[in-house]
Amino acid sequence: MRNSIKDMPSEAIRKLLQGEKQTLTKVKARLVRELAERQEELDAVNRRLNEIEQGEQILAGR
């Protein structure tokens, strides 16, 4: 059974926290990269939708 954190030496707690912080920092960096990629994709879709809308407006004005 795992000891409670109260019973652990400070150095062990510090190492656990450092490890978790490192893991979460890597996850955050990955998510930020993925968000940037998705934003680029979304921007491209929005640009194309705007082009289509402009084309539809031109056709409606004929």
Protein backbone atom coordinates (compact mmCIF):
# COMPACT_ATOMS: atom_id res chain seq x y z
CA MET A 1 0.00 0.00 0.00
CA ARG A 2 1.29 3.44 -0.85
CA ASN A 3 2.36 5.70 2.00
CA SER A 4 0.53 8.93 2.46
CA ILE A 5 2.37 12.03 1.35
CA LYS A 6 2.65 13.13 4.99
CA ASP A 7 4.90 10.15 5.71
CA MET A 8 7.24 10.73 2.77
CA PRO A 9 10.56 12.55 3.08
CA SER A 10 10.59 16.06 1.65
CA GLU A 11 13.14 15.12 -1.01
CA ALA A 12 10.92 12.29 -2.27
CA ILE A 13 7.94 14.63 -2.45
CA ARG A 14 10.08 17.21 -4.26
CA LYS A 15 11.15 14.60 -6.84
CA LEU A 16 7.56 13.46 -7.36
CA LEU A 17 6.43 17.04 -7.89
CA GLN A 18 9.31 17.78 -10.25
CA GLY A 19 8.49 14.69 -12.29
CA GLU A 20 4.83 15.58 -12.52
CA LYS A 21 5.68 19.18 -13.41
CA GLN A 22 8.00 17.99 -16.19
CA THR A 23 5.35 15.63 -17.56
CA LEU A 24 2.65 18.29 -17.49
CA THR A 25 4.96 20.84 -19.11
CA LYS A 26 5.58 18.43 -21.99
CA VAL A 27 1.85 17.74 -22.35
CA LYS A 28 1.14 21.47 -22.35
CA ALA A 29 3.76 22.11 -25.04
CA ARG A 30 2.27 19.35 -27.21
CA LEU A 31 -1.24 20.73 -26.77
CA VAL A 32 -0.12 24.26 -27.65
CA ARG A 33 1.48 22.93 -30.86
CA GLU A 34 -1.69 21.01 -31.71
CA LEU A 35 -3.82 24.09 -31.07
CA ALA A 36 -1.62 26.19 -33.35
CA GLU A 37 -1.94 23.58 -36.10
CA ARG A 38 -5.70 23.39 -35.66
CA GLN A 39 -5.94 27.20 -35.71
CA GLU A 40 -4.08 27.28 -39.04
CA GLU A 41 -6.48 24.67 -40.41
CA LEU A 42 -9.48 26.60 -39.11
CA ASP A 43 -8.18 29.84 -40.63
CA ALA A 44 -7.77 28.12 -44.01
CA VAL A 45 -11.33 26.75 -43.84
CA ASN A 46 -12.68 30.19 -42.91
CA ARG A 47 -10.80 31.81 -45.81
CA ARG A 48 -12.26 29.28 -48.23
CA LEU A 49 -15.77 29.75 -46.83
CA ASN A 50 -15.40 33.51 -47.31
CA GLU A 51 -14.31 32.96 -50.91
CA ILE A 52 -17.34 30.75 -51.52
CA GLU A 53 -19.65 33.32 -49.96
CA GLN A 54 -18.19 36.05 -52.16
CA GLY A 55 -18.70 33.84 -55.20
CA GLU A 56 -22.30 33.23 -54.22
CA GLN A 57 -22.87 36.96 -53.82
CA ILE A 58 -21.42 37.62 -57.26
CA LEU A 59 -23.66 34.96 -58.79
CA ALA A 60 -26.70 36.36 -56.98
CA GLY A 61 -25.98 39.79 -58.47
CA ARG A 62 -25.98 38.54 -62.09
